[in-house]
Every structure is written in C-alpha cells, then in structure tokens.
Amino acid sequence: MNLFANALSLSMMAAVGPGEAATPIKVSKAGGAPSAVGSAEYFTGKVRIDAPFQADAPARVGGATVTVEPGARTA
C-alpha cells in the first residue's frame, strides 16, 4: 500500500511540470474605463458599451456589457 501511495504521488508531481510560467492577473476597478458609444451600424438609439476585459494577442477573447436605453434597438 505504501509503495502504491509513493508511486501515485511521484506520478502526480511529474504531471505538473517544473518551471511553468504563471499567467499574470490584471485587477481593475469597476467603472475604471470610460464607456463607448454603440455604433450606428449595429444599434439605433442610445447605447453604451462597457468592455471590462480584452485579452492580449494572439488571443481573440473579450467581454462587454451593453446597456440599451429605452427605445433603442439593435439594427
């Protein structure tokens, strides 16, 4: 049993890999970036876009919150 536990713990340590670089975490205050105005190409009326995160290249991910005023629509 002890031999099995030792083999299991050694195999788990090898799976992690030494020296892998940690990805830095960026923390930003809510409302720290100004809102963008929604493009007339995509919206009619008053629309506000808040994009709290955008990944650095080569990644193509990001996030946004779209606030649509009363009477506004997507085009």
Protein backbone atom coordinates (compact mmCIF):
# COMPACT_ATOMS: atom_id res chain seq x y z
CA MET A 1 0.00 0.00 0.00
CA ASN A 2 2.81 2.40 0.91
CA LEU A 3 4.58 1.64 -2.37
CA PHE A 4 1.38 2.45 -4.29
CA ALA A 5 0.96 5.78 -2.45
CA ASN A 6 4.56 6.76 -3.19
CA ALA A 7 4.21 5.87 -6.89
CA LEU A 8 0.96 7.82 -7.12
CA SER A 9 2.41 10.96 -5.52
CA LEU A 10 5.50 10.83 -7.77
CA SER A 11 3.37 10.49 -10.90
CA MET A 12 1.24 13.47 -9.86
CA MET A 13 4.34 15.63 -9.31
CA ALA A 14 5.61 14.75 -12.80
CA ALA A 15 2.28 15.75 -14.39
CA VAL A 16 2.53 19.34 -13.14
CA GLY A 17 5.85 20.08 -14.81
CA PRO A 18 8.61 22.21 -13.34
CA GLY A 19 9.15 25.83 -14.26
CA GLU A 20 5.84 26.60 -15.91
CA ALA A 21 5.37 30.36 -16.06
CA ALA A 22 2.37 31.73 -14.21
CA THR A 23 -0.01 33.99 -16.13
CA PRO A 24 -0.21 37.42 -14.50
CA ILE A 25 -3.62 38.55 -13.30
CA LYS A 26 -4.78 42.10 -14.03
CA VAL A 27 -7.16 43.62 -11.49
CA SER A 28 -9.04 46.76 -12.47
CA LYS A 29 -11.53 48.86 -10.57
CA ALA A 30 -15.16 48.68 -11.71
CA GLY A 31 -16.01 51.70 -13.81
CA GLY A 32 -12.32 52.49 -14.27
CA ALA A 33 -12.57 52.66 -18.05
CA PRO A 34 -14.91 55.02 -19.90
CA SER A 35 -17.95 53.62 -21.71
CA ALA A 36 -18.03 53.56 -25.51
CA VAL A 37 -21.00 54.70 -27.58
CA GLY A 38 -22.71 51.95 -29.58
CA SER A 39 -22.06 52.15 -33.32
CA ALA A 40 -24.96 53.25 -35.55
CA GLU A 41 -24.02 50.30 -37.77
CA TYR A 42 -25.27 47.90 -35.08
CA PHE A 43 -27.69 49.96 -32.94
CA THR A 44 -30.37 52.65 -33.22
CA GLY A 45 -30.90 54.99 -30.28
CA LYS A 46 -28.66 55.50 -27.26
CA VAL A 47 -26.44 52.51 -26.44
CA ARG A 48 -23.47 52.30 -24.03
CA ILE A 49 -20.79 49.59 -24.17
CA ASP A 50 -18.56 48.76 -21.19
CA ALA A 51 -15.74 46.35 -22.01
CA PRO A 52 -14.13 45.30 -18.72
CA PHE A 53 -11.63 42.91 -20.28
CA GLN A 54 -9.87 42.22 -23.54
CA ALA A 55 -7.24 39.51 -23.88
CA ASP A 56 -3.80 40.30 -25.27
CA ALA A 57 -2.80 38.96 -28.70
CA PRO A 58 -2.78 36.28 -30.04
CA ALA A 59 -5.94 35.50 -28.03
CA ARG A 60 -9.21 36.72 -29.51
CA VAL A 61 -11.45 36.87 -26.44
CA GLY A 62 -13.03 39.69 -24.52
CA GLY A 63 -16.15 40.66 -22.67
CA ALA A 64 -18.58 43.55 -22.70
CA THR A 65 -21.81 44.75 -21.14
CA VAL A 66 -24.20 46.56 -23.47
CA THR A 67 -26.68 48.98 -21.90
CA VAL A 68 -29.61 49.88 -24.13
CA GLU A 69 -31.65 52.99 -23.29
CA PRO A 70 -35.46 52.89 -23.62
CA GLY A 71 -36.48 53.00 -27.27
CA ALA A 72 -33.06 51.89 -28.58
CA ARG A 73 -32.78 48.76 -30.70
CA THR A 74 -30.23 46.55 -32.39
CA ALA A 75 -30.02 47.26 -36.12
